[in-house]
Amino acid sequence: MAGGFLCPCHGSTYDLAGRVFKNKPAPQNLDVPPYMFTSATTLVIGKDEKGEA
């Protein structure tokens, strides 16, 4: 899907921010994982052993 995401299991569609479109099977928006910018060009997604993003 251009400009979004498609769940092939149930057919829900999401915009680029992870918000589910109306009248789709998904009951809620996608979760946003923890993240942090480590520089102007680097994004780290997830948690490390210390519990930080």
PDB file of N, CA and C in Angstrom:
ATOM      1  N   MET A   1       0.848  -1.177   0.000  1.00  0.00           N
ATOM      2  CA  MET A   1       0.000   0.000   0.000  1.00  0.00           C
ATOM      3  C   MET A   1       0.890   1.236   0.000  1.00  0.00           C
ATOM      4  N   ALA A   2       0.749   2.070  -0.965  1.00  0.00           N
ATOM      5  CA  ALA A   2       1.535   3.305  -1.037  1.00  0.00           C
ATOM      6  C   ALA A   2       1.050   4.281   0.026  1.00  0.00           C
ATOM      7  N   GLY A   3       1.979   4.805   0.821  1.00  0.00           N
ATOM      8  CA  GLY A   3       1.615   5.792   1.822  1.00  0.00           C
ATOM      9  C   GLY A   3       0.987   5.223   3.078  1.00  0.00           C
ATOM     10  N   GLY A   4       1.239   3.953   3.375  1.00  0.00           N
ATOM     11  CA  GLY A   4       0.688   3.364   4.587  1.00  0.00           C
ATOM     12  C   GLY A   4       1.089   1.913   4.725  1.00  0.00           C
ATOM     13  N   PHE A   5       0.371   1.205   5.583  1.00  0.00           N
ATOM     14  CA  PHE A   5       0.672  -0.191   5.872  1.00  0.00           C
ATOM     15  C   PHE A   5      -0.593  -1.023   5.742  1.00  0.00           C
ATOM     16  N   LEU A   6      -0.425  -2.269   5.314  1.00  0.00           N
ATOM     17  CA  LEU A   6      -1.535  -3.203   5.171  1.00  0.00           C
ATOM     18  C   LEU A   6      -1.246  -4.434   6.009  1.00  0.00           C
ATOM     19  N   CYS A   7      -2.191  -4.853   6.833  1.00  0.00           N
ATOM     20  CA  CYS A   7      -2.082  -6.103   7.579  1.00  0.00           C
ATOM     21  C   CYS A   7      -2.667  -7.202   6.696  1.00  0.00           C
ATOM     22  N   PRO A   8      -1.831  -8.130   6.214  1.00  0.00           N
ATOM     23  CA  PRO A   8      -2.340  -9.163   5.323  1.00  0.00           C
ATOM     24  C   PRO A   8      -3.217 -10.199   6.024  1.00  0.00           C
ATOM     25  N   CYS A   9      -3.168 -10.269   7.347  1.00  0.00           N
ATOM     26  CA  CYS A   9      -3.957 -11.267   8.084  1.00  0.00           C
ATOM     27  C   CYS A   9      -5.442 -10.932   8.105  1.00  0.00           C
ATOM     28  N   HIS A  10      -5.759  -9.685   8.404  1.00  0.00           N
ATOM     29  CA  HIS A  10      -7.157  -9.304   8.568  1.00  0.00           C
ATOM     30  C   HIS A  10      -7.597  -8.161   7.665  1.00  0.00           C
ATOM     31  N   GLY A  11      -6.657  -7.597   6.895  1.00  0.00           N
ATOM     32  CA  GLY A  11      -7.021  -6.564   5.941  1.00  0.00           C
ATOM     33  C   GLY A  11      -7.117  -5.155   6.485  1.00  0.00           C
ATOM     34  N   SER A  12      -6.629  -4.940   7.703  1.00  0.00           N
ATOM     35  CA  SER A  12      -6.631  -3.576   8.238  1.00  0.00           C
ATOM     36  C   SER A  12      -5.596  -2.743   7.506  1.00  0.00           C
ATOM     37  N   THR A  13      -5.885  -1.468   7.338  1.00  0.00           N
ATOM     38  CA  THR A  13      -4.939  -0.550   6.715  1.00  0.00           C
ATOM     39  C   THR A  13      -4.656   0.594   7.673  1.00  0.00           C
ATOM     40  N   TYR A  14      -3.398   1.066   7.634  1.00  0.00           N
ATOM     41  CA  TYR A  14      -2.922   2.107   8.538  1.00  0.00           C
ATOM     42  C   TYR A  14      -2.248   3.203   7.728  1.00  0.00           C
ATOM     43  N   ASP A  15      -2.317   4.440   8.229  1.00  0.00           N
ATOM     44  CA  ASP A  15      -1.584   5.522   7.574  1.00  0.00           C
ATOM     45  C   ASP A  15      -0.122   5.469   8.024  1.00  0.00           C
ATOM     46  N   LEU A  16       0.693   6.401   7.549  1.00  0.00           N
ATOM     47  CA  LEU A  16       2.127   6.379   7.863  1.00  0.00           C
ATOM     48  C   LEU A  16       2.422   6.632   9.339  1.00  0.00           C
ATOM     49  N   ALA A  17       1.469   7.186  10.086  1.00  0.00           N
ATOM     50  CA  ALA A  17       1.639   7.400  11.526  1.00  0.00           C
ATOM     51  C   ALA A  17       1.163   6.194  12.337  1.00  0.00           C
ATOM     52  N   GLY A  18       0.659   5.153  11.668  1.00  0.00           N
ATOM     53  CA  GLY A  18       0.200   3.955  12.359  1.00  0.00           C
ATOM     54  C   GLY A  18      -1.239   4.008  12.829  1.00  0.00           C
ATOM     55  N   ARG A  19      -1.993   4.996  12.345  1.00  0.00           N
ATOM     56  CA  ARG A  19      -3.406   5.098  12.724  1.00  0.00           C
ATOM     57  C   ARG A  19      -4.238   4.221  11.801  1.00  0.00           C
ATOM     58  N   VAL A  20      -5.125   3.426  12.394  1.00  0.00           N
ATOM     59  CA  VAL A  20      -5.964   2.535  11.604  1.00  0.00           C
ATOM     60  C   VAL A  20      -7.046   3.353  10.894  1.00  0.00           C
ATOM     61  N   PHE A  21      -7.333   2.978   9.655  1.00  0.00           N
ATOM     62  CA  PHE A  21      -8.407   3.630   8.913  1.00  0.00           C
ATOM     63  C   PHE A  21      -9.760   3.157   9.446  1.00  0.00           C
ATOM     64  N   LYS A  22     -10.781   3.979   9.300  1.00  0.00           N
ATOM     65  CA  LYS A  22     -12.126   3.642   9.769  1.00  0.00           C
ATOM     66  C   LYS A  22     -12.664   2.430   9.021  1.00  0.00           C
ATOM     67  N   ASN A  23     -13.590   1.739   9.683  1.00  0.00           N
ATOM     68  CA  ASN A  23     -14.286   0.580   9.113  1.00  0.00           C
ATOM     69  C   ASN A  23     -13.338  -0.559   8.750  1.00  0.00           C
ATOM     70  N   LYS A  24     -12.291  -0.741   9.542  1.00  0.00           N
ATOM     71  CA  LYS A  24     -11.346  -1.840   9.360  1.00  0.00           C
ATOM     72  C   LYS A  24     -11.370  -2.717  10.606  1.00  0.00           C
ATOM     73  N   PRO A  25     -10.930  -3.978  10.508  1.00  0.00           N
ATOM     74  CA  PRO A  25     -11.031  -4.895  11.647  1.00  0.00           C
ATOM     75  C   PRO A  25     -10.178  -4.541  12.867  1.00  0.00           C
ATOM     76  N   ALA A  26      -9.075  -3.835  12.685  1.00  0.00           N
ATOM     77  CA  ALA A  26      -8.194  -3.536  13.823  1.00  0.00           C
ATOM     78  C   ALA A  26      -8.916  -2.648  14.835  1.00  0.00           C
ATOM     79  N   PRO A  27      -8.853  -3.010  16.130  1.00  0.00           N
ATOM     80  CA  PRO A  27      -9.554  -2.225  17.146  1.00  0.00           C
ATOM     81  C   PRO A  27      -8.817  -0.968  17.587  1.00  0.00           C
ATOM     82  N   GLN A  28      -7.519  -0.859  17.256  1.00  0.00           N
ATOM     83  CA  GLN A  28      -6.757   0.309  17.703  1.00  0.00           C
ATOM     84  C   GLN A  28      -5.591   0.584  16.767  1.00  0.00           C
ATOM     85  N   ASN A  29      -4.957   1.728  16.972  1.00  0.00           N
ATOM     86  CA  ASN A  29      -3.792   2.117  16.184  1.00  0.00           C
ATOM     87  C   ASN A  29      -2.598   1.230  16.520  1.00  0.00           C
ATOM     88  N   LEU A  30      -1.580   1.251  15.664  1.00  0.00           N
ATOM     89  CA  LEU A  30      -0.350   0.517  15.939  1.00  0.00           C
ATOM     90  C   LEU A  30       0.382   1.153  17.117  1.00  0.00           C
ATOM     91  N   ASP A  31       1.065   0.332  17.904  1.00  0.00           N
ATOM     92  CA  ASP A  31       1.883   0.851  19.003  1.00  0.00           C
ATOM     93  C   ASP A  31       3.134   1.517  18.443  1.00  0.00           C
ATOM     94  N   VAL A  32       3.571   2.583  19.096  1.00  0.00           N
ATOM     95  CA  VAL A  32       4.818   3.256  18.725  1.00  0.00           C
ATOM     96  C   VAL A  32       5.900   2.750  19.672  1.00  0.00           C
ATOM     97  N   PRO A  33       6.937   2.088  19.144  1.00  0.00           N
ATOM     98  CA  PRO A  33       7.986   1.563  20.021  1.00  0.00           C
ATOM     99  C   PRO A  33       8.847   2.692  20.584  1.00  0.00           C
ATOM    100  N   PRO A  34       9.561   2.424  21.683  1.00  0.00           N
ATOM    101  CA  PRO A  34      10.470   3.446  22.202  1.00  0.00           C
ATOM    102  C   PRO A  34      11.553   3.742  21.169  1.00  0.00           C
ATOM    103  N   TYR A  35      11.946   5.002  21.081  1.00  0.00           N
ATOM    104  CA  TYR A  35      12.962   5.387  20.100  1.00  0.00           C
ATOM    105  C   TYR A  35      13.709   6.609  20.594  1.00  0.00           C
ATOM    106  N   MET A  36      14.869   6.848  20.006  1.00  0.00           N
ATOM    107  CA  MET A  36      15.607   8.081  20.284  1.00  0.00           C
ATOM    108  C   MET A  36      16.522   8.379  19.109  1.00  0.00           C
ATOM    109  N   PHE A  37      16.761   9.658  18.891  1.00  0.00           N
ATOM    110  CA  PHE A  37      17.700  10.101  17.876  1.00  0.00           C
ATOM    111  C   PHE A  37      19.067  10.203  18.537  1.00  0.00           C
ATOM    112  N   THR A  38      20.054   9.518  17.963  1.00  0.00           N
ATOM    113  CA  THR A  38      21.405   9.586  18.517  1.00  0.00           C
ATOM    114  C   THR A  38      22.261  10.600  17.779  1.00  0.00           C
ATOM    115  N   SER A  39      21.779  11.050  16.629  1.00  0.00           N
ATOM    116  CA  SER A  39      22.431  12.115  15.868  1.00  0.00           C
ATOM    117  C   SER A  39      21.394  12.672  14.901  1.00  0.00           C
ATOM    118  N   ALA A  40      21.806  13.607  14.090  1.00  0.00           N
ATOM    119  CA  ALA A  40      20.884  14.208  13.124  1.00  0.00           C
ATOM    120  C   ALA A  40      20.448  13.216  12.048  1.00  0.00           C
ATOM    121  N   THR A  41      21.204  12.118  11.885  1.00  0.00           N
ATOM    122  CA  THR A  41      20.895  11.157  10.826  1.00  0.00           C
ATOM    123  C   THR A  41      20.681   9.732  11.324  1.00  0.00           C
ATOM    124  N   THR A  42      20.661   9.515  12.645  1.00  0.00           N
ATOM    125  CA  THR A  42      20.532   8.160  13.185  1.00  0.00           C
ATOM    126  C   THR A  42      19.372   8.076  14.170  1.00  0.00           C
ATOM    127  N   LEU A  43      18.508   7.095  13.940  1.00  0.00           N
ATOM    128  CA  LEU A  43      17.366   6.827  14.802  1.00  0.00           C
ATOM    129  C   LEU A  43      17.518   5.420  15.353  1.00  0.00           C
ATOM    130  N   VAL A  44      17.448   5.265  16.678  1.00  0.00           N
ATOM    131  CA  VAL A  44      17.523   3.958  17.319  1.00  0.00           C
ATOM    132  C   VAL A  44      16.115   3.591  17.777  1.00  0.00           C
ATOM    133  N   ILE A  45      15.653   2.397  17.368  1.00  0.00           N
ATOM    134  CA  ILE A  45      14.317   1.931  17.720  1.00  0.00           C
ATOM    135  C   ILE A  45      14.446   0.706  18.610  1.00  0.00           C
ATOM    136  N   GLY A  46      13.726   0.703  19.736  1.00  0.00           N
ATOM    137  CA  GLY A  46      13.757  -0.414  20.674  1.00  0.00           C
ATOM    138  C   GLY A  46      14.489  -0.041  21.942  1.00  0.00           C
ATOM    139  N   LYS A  47      14.587  -1.005  22.858  1.00  0.00           N
ATOM    140  CA  LYS A  47      15.245  -0.768  24.139  1.00  0.00           C
ATOM    141  C   LYS A  47      16.545  -1.551  24.219  1.00  0.00           C
ATOM    142  N   ASP A  48      17.516  -0.984  24.918  1.00  0.00           N
ATOM    143  CA  ASP A  48      18.751  -1.718  25.174  1.00  0.00           C
ATOM    144  C   ASP A  48      18.652  -2.394  26.545  1.00  0.00           C
ATOM    145  N   GLU A  49      19.726  -3.033  26.979  1.00  0.00           N
ATOM    146  CA  GLU A  49      19.722  -3.756  28.242  1.00  0.00           C
ATOM    147  C   GLU A  49      19.453  -2.849  29.441  1.00  0.00           C
ATOM    148  N   LYS A  50      19.757  -1.568  29.320  1.00  0.00           N
ATOM    149  CA  LYS A  50      19.552  -0.613  30.406  1.00  0.00           C
ATOM    150  C   LYS A  50      18.113  -0.095  30.450  1.00  0.00           C
ATOM    151  N   GLY A  51      17.295  -0.513  29.494  1.00  0.00           N
ATOM    152  CA  GLY A  51      15.916  -0.053  29.459  1.00  0.00           C
ATOM    153  C   GLY A  51      15.734   1.268  28.758  1.00  0.00           C
ATOM    154  N   GLU A  52      16.799   1.793  28.166  1.00  0.00           N
ATOM    155  CA  GLU A  52      16.715   3.051  27.437  1.00  0.00           C
ATOM    156  C   GLU A  52      16.375   2.768  25.984  1.00  0.00           C
ATOM    157  N   ALA A  53      15.835   3.759  25.320  1.00  0.00           N
ATOM    158  CA  ALA A  53      15.501   3.598  23.900  1.00  0.00           C
ATOM    159  C   ALA A  53      16.752   3.402  23.093  1.00  0.00           C
TER     160      ALA A  53
END
